[in-house]
Amino acid sequence: MINNREIIASRRPHLKTTGYIKVVILTWVIFVSCCAEVLAEAGDLVWKFEMEVGLEGINSSPAIGADGSIYFCTTDGYLYSLKNDGSMNWRYKISSNTNYMSPSIGYDGTIYVGANVNGLYAFNPDGSVKWQYVSNGSVNSSPAIGMDGTLYFTDNSLNALNSDGSLKWSISGISSMLLCSPALGNDGTIYIGSGGVSQSGCF
């Protein structure tokens, strides 16, 4: 994050190969537009994607699909999908605000994204809605995906969903504030940070 207006991700080539470093920059131009830029190592602009004029910004990290598609959320509640050449695949309005939500991509290509008060969405790669789970609280973080396809996310609780969107289990009372994304250990342990008044720490 640079000045809260840029998100930069880079991919470094293997030391034994030649090539260039690709940098993806998602930029917020205040009151003008948002754009996504791809730069080569020499600094030449490969492509630039500009969204409609408005107040939308990008405050989270993009996710990259196996086919190179780029998925990211904007502060005005849209989930965008771009092709790897910078042209738009599709966009979908999921909430009034997706300020800090980053999409997560499943092993089958399903895109999962928190939608604030609208819960959690699952999208097919073509942009169609696979399912929506309406949660008991706001989902303000990215879901984690287990090896068996189970989705873990937080609202006011720590929740686990089956890959079809049905509730597997839910644990409440961990903290009064759960805004962090869960992390999964190799042994299946779920780690979650909390910042509530009554309890804070790592669980």
C-alpha atoms as a PDB file:
ATOM      1  CA  MET A   1       0.000   0.000   0.000  1.00  0.00           C
ATOM      2  CA  ILE A   2       1.438   3.402  -1.008  1.00  0.00           C
ATOM      3  CA  ASN A   3      -0.205   6.541   0.428  1.00  0.00           C
ATOM      4  CA  ASN A   4      -3.392   4.469   0.831  1.00  0.00           C
ATOM      5  CA  ARG A   5      -4.029   4.869  -2.902  1.00  0.00           C
ATOM      6  CA  GLU A   6      -1.954   2.213  -4.611  1.00  0.00           C
ATOM      7  CA  ILE A   7      -1.682  -1.538  -4.336  1.00  0.00           C
ATOM      8  CA  ILE A   8       1.384  -3.082  -5.940  1.00  0.00           C
ATOM      9  CA  ALA A   9       1.982  -6.776  -6.551  1.00  0.00           C
ATOM     10  CA  SER A  10       4.994  -8.234  -8.309  1.00  0.00           C
ATOM     11  CA  ARG A  11       5.995 -11.632  -9.671  1.00  0.00           C
ATOM     12  CA  ARG A  12       9.740 -12.326  -9.780  1.00  0.00           C
ATOM     13  CA  PRO A  13      11.069 -14.749 -12.427  1.00  0.00           C
ATOM     14  CA  HIS A  14      13.094 -17.785 -11.362  1.00  0.00           C
ATOM     15  CA  LEU A  15      16.793 -17.015 -10.981  1.00  0.00           C
ATOM     16  CA  LYS A  16      17.730 -19.482 -13.737  1.00  0.00           C
ATOM     17  CA  THR A  17      15.335 -18.022 -16.299  1.00  0.00           C
ATOM     18  CA  THR A  18      15.166 -14.777 -18.194  1.00  0.00           C
ATOM     19  CA  GLY A  19      12.125 -12.572 -18.418  1.00  0.00           C
ATOM     20  CA  TYR A  20      10.635  -9.518 -16.855  1.00  0.00           C
ATOM     21  CA  ILE A  21       8.994  -8.601 -13.614  1.00  0.00           C
ATOM     22  CA  LYS A  22       5.327  -7.812 -14.045  1.00  0.00           C
ATOM     23  CA  VAL A  23       3.902  -5.186 -11.721  1.00  0.00           C
ATOM     24  CA  VAL A  24       0.179  -4.669 -11.331  1.00  0.00           C
ATOM     25  CA  ILE A  25      -0.830  -1.292  -9.939  1.00  0.00           C
ATOM     26  CA  LEU A  26      -4.376  -0.463  -8.924  1.00  0.00           C
ATOM     27  CA  THR A  27      -4.619   3.286  -8.536  1.00  0.00           C
ATOM     28  CA  TRP A  28      -7.229   5.631  -7.111  1.00  0.00           C
ATOM     29  CA  VAL A  29      -7.375   9.017  -8.822  1.00  0.00           C
ATOM     30  CA  ILE A  30      -9.562  11.112  -6.534  1.00  0.00           C
ATOM     31  CA  PHE A  31     -12.837  12.325  -8.119  1.00  0.00           C
ATOM     32  CA  VAL A  32     -11.651  11.174 -11.541  1.00  0.00           C
ATOM     33  CA  SER A  33     -11.369   7.423 -12.033  1.00  0.00           C
ATOM     34  CA  CYS A  34      -9.781   4.233 -10.900  1.00  0.00           C
ATOM     35  CA  CYS A  35      -7.434   2.347 -13.100  1.00  0.00           C
ATOM     36  CA  ALA A  36      -5.400  -0.802 -13.204  1.00  0.00           C
ATOM     37  CA  GLU A  37      -1.975  -0.709 -14.805  1.00  0.00           C
ATOM     38  CA  VAL A  38       0.469  -3.407 -15.794  1.00  0.00           C
ATOM     39  CA  LEU A  39       4.092  -2.369 -16.225  1.00  0.00           C
ATOM     40  CA  ALA A  40       6.989  -4.315 -17.660  1.00  0.00           C
ATOM     41  CA  GLU A  41      10.473  -4.261 -16.116  1.00  0.00           C
ATOM     42  CA  ALA A  42      11.568  -1.407 -18.364  1.00  0.00           C
ATOM     43  CA  GLY A  43       8.633   0.683 -17.197  1.00  0.00           C
ATOM     44  CA  ASP A  44       6.681   0.425 -20.438  1.00  0.00           C
ATOM     45  CA  LEU A  45       2.919   0.438 -19.980  1.00  0.00           C
ATOM     46  CA  VAL A  46       1.474  -2.900 -21.089  1.00  0.00           C
ATOM     47  CA  TRP A  47      -2.142  -2.003 -20.411  1.00  0.00           C
ATOM     48  CA  LYS A  48      -4.309   0.301 -18.359  1.00  0.00           C
ATOM     49  CA  PHE A  49      -7.918  -0.237 -17.344  1.00  0.00           C
ATOM     50  CA  GLU A  50      -9.995   2.781 -16.332  1.00  0.00           C
ATOM     51  CA  MET A  51     -13.312   2.477 -14.560  1.00  0.00           C
ATOM     52  CA  GLU A  52     -16.205   4.849 -14.856  1.00  0.00           C
ATOM     53  CA  VAL A  53     -15.790   8.326 -13.428  1.00  0.00           C
ATOM     54  CA  GLY A  54     -16.843   8.380  -9.801  1.00  0.00           C
ATOM     55  CA  LEU A  55     -15.667   8.097  -6.227  1.00  0.00           C
ATOM     56  CA  GLU A  56     -14.814   4.415  -6.195  1.00  0.00           C
ATOM     57  CA  GLY A  57     -11.412   3.427  -4.845  1.00  0.00           C
ATOM     58  CA  ILE A  58      -9.414   0.245  -4.339  1.00  0.00           C
ATOM     59  CA  ASN A  59      -8.248  -0.489  -0.806  1.00  0.00           C
ATOM     60  CA  SER A  60      -7.618  -4.231  -1.006  1.00  0.00           C
ATOM     61  CA  SER A  61      -5.481  -6.760  -2.835  1.00  0.00           C
ATOM     62  CA  PRO A  62      -6.478  -8.377  -6.137  1.00  0.00           C
ATOM     63  CA  ALA A  63      -6.748 -12.130  -6.616  1.00  0.00           C
ATOM     64  CA  ILE A  64      -5.479 -13.887  -9.740  1.00  0.00           C
ATOM     65  CA  GLY A  65      -7.263 -16.884 -11.259  1.00  0.00           C
ATOM     66  CA  ALA A  66      -5.590 -19.867 -12.882  1.00  0.00           C
ATOM     67  CA  ASP A  67      -6.406 -18.430 -16.335  1.00  0.00           C
ATOM     68  CA  GLY A  68      -4.834 -15.072 -15.433  1.00  0.00           C
ATOM     69  CA  SER A  69      -8.125 -13.294 -14.724  1.00  0.00           C
ATOM     70  CA  ILE A  70      -7.809 -10.483 -12.164  1.00  0.00           C
ATOM     71  CA  TYR A  71     -10.466 -10.010  -9.483  1.00  0.00           C
ATOM     72  CA  PHE A  72     -10.734  -7.037  -7.130  1.00  0.00           C
ATOM     73  CA  CYS A  73     -13.290  -5.053  -5.138  1.00  0.00           C
ATOM     74  CA  THR A  74     -13.923  -1.323  -5.145  1.00  0.00           C
ATOM     75  CA  THR A  75     -15.021   0.846  -2.254  1.00  0.00           C
ATOM     76  CA  ASP A  76     -18.435   1.439  -3.840  1.00  0.00           C
ATOM     77  CA  GLY A  77     -19.331  -2.246  -3.624  1.00  0.00           C
ATOM     78  CA  TYR A  78     -18.391  -3.755  -6.999  1.00  0.00           C
ATOM     79  CA  LEU A  79     -16.498  -6.949  -7.704  1.00  0.00           C
ATOM     80  CA  TYR A  80     -14.533  -6.587 -10.957  1.00  0.00           C
ATOM     81  CA  SER A  81     -13.093  -9.272 -13.215  1.00  0.00           C
ATOM     82  CA  LEU A  82     -10.482  -8.332 -15.808  1.00  0.00           C
ATOM     83  CA  LYS A  83      -8.838 -10.433 -18.479  1.00  0.00           C
ATOM     84  CA  ASN A  84      -5.056 -10.635 -18.347  1.00  0.00           C
ATOM     85  CA  ASP A  85      -4.886  -8.213 -21.279  1.00  0.00           C
ATOM     86  CA  GLY A  86      -6.640  -5.524 -19.213  1.00  0.00           C
ATOM     87  CA  SER A  87     -10.086  -5.718 -20.769  1.00  0.00           C
ATOM     88  CA  MET A  88     -13.086  -6.212 -18.525  1.00  0.00           C
ATOM     89  CA  ASN A  89     -14.735  -9.601 -18.180  1.00  0.00           C
ATOM     90  CA  TRP A  90     -17.560  -8.457 -15.945  1.00  0.00           C
ATOM     91  CA  ARG A  91     -18.474  -6.591 -12.784  1.00  0.00           C
ATOM     92  CA  TYR A  92     -21.167  -7.197 -10.177  1.00  0.00           C
ATOM     93  CA  LYS A  93     -22.630  -4.976  -7.457  1.00  0.00           C
ATOM     94  CA  ILE A  94     -22.416  -6.986  -4.238  1.00  0.00           C
ATOM     95  CA  SER A  95     -22.810  -4.315  -1.560  1.00  0.00           C
ATOM     96  CA  SER A  96     -22.817  -0.586  -0.885  1.00  0.00           C
ATOM     97  CA  ASN A  97     -19.278  -0.910   0.483  1.00  0.00           C
ATOM     98  CA  THR A  98     -16.534  -3.500  -0.018  1.00  0.00           C
ATOM     99  CA  ASN A  99     -13.776  -1.265   1.289  1.00  0.00           C
ATOM    100  CA  TYR A 100     -11.183  -3.786   2.482  1.00  0.00           C
ATOM    101  CA  MET A 101     -12.437  -7.062   1.031  1.00  0.00           C
ATOM    102  CA  SER A 102     -10.164  -9.132  -1.188  1.00  0.00           C
ATOM    103  CA  PRO A 103     -11.598 -12.035  -3.176  1.00  0.00           C
ATOM    104  CA  SER A 104     -10.492 -15.621  -2.549  1.00  0.00           C
ATOM    105  CA  ILE A 105     -10.378 -18.208  -5.328  1.00  0.00           C
ATOM    106  CA  GLY A 106     -11.230 -21.871  -4.796  1.00  0.00           C
ATOM    107  CA  TYR A 107      -9.509 -24.848  -6.365  1.00  0.00           C
ATOM    108  CA  ASP A 108     -12.349 -25.147  -8.896  1.00  0.00           C
ATOM    109  CA  GLY A 109     -12.107 -21.468  -9.891  1.00  0.00           C
ATOM    110  CA  THR A 110     -15.033 -20.268  -7.765  1.00  0.00           C
ATOM    111  CA  ILE A 111     -14.571 -16.687  -6.561  1.00  0.00           C
ATOM    112  CA  TYR A 112     -15.578 -16.004  -2.958  1.00  0.00           C
ATOM    113  CA  VAL A 113     -15.909 -12.505  -1.557  1.00  0.00           C
ATOM    114  CA  GLY A 114     -17.309 -10.900   1.577  1.00  0.00           C
ATOM    115  CA  ALA A 115     -20.091  -8.411   0.932  1.00  0.00           C
ATOM    116  CA  ASN A 116     -20.333  -6.517   4.222  1.00  0.00           C
ATOM    117  CA  VAL A 117     -23.947  -6.642   5.445  1.00  0.00           C
ATOM    118  CA  ASN A 118     -24.910  -8.819   2.461  1.00  0.00           C
ATOM    119  CA  GLY A 119     -22.889 -11.766   3.753  1.00  0.00           C
ATOM    120  CA  LEU A 120     -20.707 -13.893   1.499  1.00  0.00           C
ATOM    121  CA  TYR A 121     -20.992 -14.424  -2.262  1.00  0.00           C
ATOM    122  CA  ALA A 122     -19.714 -17.228  -4.464  1.00  0.00           C
ATOM    123  CA  PHE A 123     -19.282 -16.489  -8.185  1.00  0.00           C
ATOM    124  CA  ASN A 124     -18.621 -18.685 -11.166  1.00  0.00           C
ATOM    125  CA  PRO A 125     -15.741 -17.489 -13.382  1.00  0.00           C
ATOM    126  CA  ASP A 126     -18.281 -16.223 -15.949  1.00  0.00           C
ATOM    127  CA  GLY A 127     -19.685 -13.758 -13.377  1.00  0.00           C
ATOM    128  CA  SER A 128     -22.883 -15.607 -12.538  1.00  0.00           C
ATOM    129  CA  VAL A 129     -23.787 -15.940  -8.865  1.00  0.00           C
ATOM    130  CA  LYS A 130     -23.278 -19.475  -7.589  1.00  0.00           C
ATOM    131  CA  TRP A 131     -24.795 -18.780  -4.188  1.00  0.00           C
ATOM    132  CA  GLN A 132     -25.115 -16.142  -1.468  1.00  0.00           C
ATOM    133  CA  TYR A 133     -24.893 -16.815   2.244  1.00  0.00           C
ATOM    134  CA  VAL A 134     -26.668 -14.245   4.426  1.00  0.00           C
ATOM    135  CA  SER A 135     -24.702 -13.960   7.658  1.00  0.00           C
ATOM    136  CA  ASN A 136     -25.706 -12.666  11.087  1.00  0.00           C
ATOM    137  CA  GLY A 137     -23.235  -9.778  10.895  1.00  0.00           C
ATOM    138  CA  SER A 138     -21.074  -7.837   8.463  1.00  0.00           C
ATOM    139  CA  VAL A 139     -18.398  -9.756   6.567  1.00  0.00           C
ATOM    140  CA  ASN A 140     -15.450  -7.368   6.310  1.00  0.00           C
ATOM    141  CA  SER A 141     -12.578  -9.730   5.528  1.00  0.00           C
ATOM    142  CA  SER A 142     -11.551 -12.391   3.038  1.00  0.00           C
ATOM    143  CA  PRO A 143     -12.605 -16.017   3.468  1.00  0.00           C
ATOM    144  CA  ALA A 144     -10.005 -18.760   3.878  1.00  0.00           C
ATOM    145  CA  ILE A 145     -10.408 -21.997   1.928  1.00  0.00           C
ATOM    146  CA  GLY A 146      -9.528 -25.420   3.340  1.00  0.00           C
ATOM    147  CA  MET A 147      -8.149 -28.336   1.345  1.00  0.00           C
ATOM    148  CA  ASP A 148     -11.590 -29.970   1.409  1.00  0.00           C
ATOM    149  CA  GLY A 149     -13.239 -26.817   0.065  1.00  0.00           C
ATOM    150  CA  THR A 150     -14.594 -25.626   3.418  1.00  0.00           C
ATOM    151  CA  LEU A 151     -14.846 -21.826   3.663  1.00  0.00           C
ATOM    152  CA  TYR A 152     -13.915 -20.038   6.890  1.00  0.00           C
ATOM    153  CA  PHE A 153     -14.894 -16.420   7.494  1.00  0.00           C
ATOM    154  CA  THR A 154     -15.822 -14.027  10.271  1.00  0.00           C
ATOM    155  CA  ASP A 155     -18.771 -11.765  10.959  1.00  0.00           C
ATOM    156  CA  ASN A 156     -19.648 -11.594  14.648  1.00  0.00           C
ATOM    157  CA  SER A 157     -18.599 -15.252  14.800  1.00  0.00           C
ATOM    158  CA  LEU A 158     -16.150 -17.661  13.231  1.00  0.00           C
ATOM    159  CA  ASN A 159     -18.068 -19.587  10.586  1.00  0.00           C
ATOM    160  CA  ALA A 160     -17.454 -22.592   8.352  1.00  0.00           C
ATOM    161  CA  LEU A 161     -19.447 -23.175   5.176  1.00  0.00           C
ATOM    162  CA  ASN A 162     -19.607 -26.176   2.895  1.00  0.00           C
ATOM    163  CA  SER A 163     -18.645 -25.517  -0.722  1.00  0.00           C
ATOM    164  CA  ASP A 164     -22.354 -25.399  -1.638  1.00  0.00           C
ATOM    165  CA  GLY A 165     -22.924 -22.442   0.722  1.00  0.00           C
ATOM    166  CA  SER A 166     -24.616 -24.356   3.540  1.00  0.00           C
ATOM    167  CA  LEU A 167     -23.524 -23.724   7.118  1.00  0.00           C
ATOM    168  CA  LYS A 168     -21.175 -26.341   8.549  1.00  0.00           C
ATOM    169  CA  TRP A 169     -20.681 -24.797  11.979  1.00  0.00           C
ATOM    170  CA  SER A 170     -20.422 -21.444  13.718  1.00  0.00           C
ATOM    171  CA  ILE A 171     -18.620 -20.399  16.913  1.00  0.00           C
ATOM    172  CA  SER A 172     -19.742 -17.234  18.684  1.00  0.00           C
ATOM    173  CA  GLY A 173     -18.433 -15.537  21.800  1.00  0.00           C
ATOM    174  CA  ILE A 174     -14.790 -15.505  20.684  1.00  0.00           C
ATOM    175  CA  SER A 175     -14.630 -11.729  20.686  1.00  0.00           C
ATOM    176  CA  SER A 176     -16.857  -8.693  20.303  1.00  0.00           C
ATOM    177  CA  MET A 177     -14.904  -7.695  17.175  1.00  0.00           C
ATOM    178  CA  LEU A 178     -13.768 -10.107  14.468  1.00  0.00           C
ATOM    179  CA  LEU A 179     -12.493  -8.228  11.426  1.00  0.00           C
ATOM    180  CA  CYS A 180      -9.532 -10.406  10.434  1.00  0.00           C
ATOM    181  CA  SER A 181      -9.338 -13.148   7.852  1.00  0.00           C
ATOM    182  CA  PRO A 182      -8.765 -16.648   9.244  1.00  0.00           C
ATOM    183  CA  ALA A 183      -5.499 -18.444   8.487  1.00  0.00           C
ATOM    184  CA  LEU A 184      -5.258 -22.221   8.120  1.00  0.00           C
ATOM    185  CA  GLY A 185      -2.380 -24.375   9.305  1.00  0.00           C
ATOM    186  CA  ASN A 186      -1.134 -27.468   7.495  1.00  0.00           C
ATOM    187  CA  ASP A 187      -2.769 -29.613  10.176  1.00  0.00           C
ATOM    188  CA  GLY A 188      -6.147 -27.915   9.700  1.00  0.00           C
ATOM    189  CA  THR A 189      -5.872 -25.612  12.718  1.00  0.00           C
ATOM    190  CA  ILE A 190      -7.737 -22.331  12.228  1.00  0.00           C
ATOM    191  CA  TYR A 191      -6.044 -19.167  13.503  1.00  0.00           C
ATOM    192  CA  ILE A 192      -7.963 -15.934  13.952  1.00  0.00           C
ATOM    193  CA  GLY A 193      -7.007 -12.538  15.337  1.00  0.00           C
ATOM    194  CA  SER A 194      -9.454 -10.449  17.358  1.00  0.00           C
ATOM    195  CA  GLY A 195      -9.573  -6.911  18.625  1.00  0.00           C
ATOM    196  CA  GLY A 196     -12.597  -6.831  20.866  1.00  0.00           C
ATOM    197  CA  VAL A 197     -12.824  -5.077  24.207  1.00  0.00           C
ATOM    198  CA  SER A 198     -13.614  -8.219  26.148  1.00  0.00           C
ATOM    199  CA  GLN A 199     -11.071 -10.452  24.444  1.00  0.00           C
ATOM    200  CA  SER A 200      -8.238  -9.710  22.094  1.00  0.00           C
ATOM    201  CA  GLY A 201      -5.374 -11.749  20.777  1.00  0.00           C
ATOM    202  CA  CYS A 202      -4.842 -14.729  18.497  1.00  0.00           C
ATOM    203  CA  PHE A 203      -6.968 -17.876  18.761  1.00  0.00           C
END
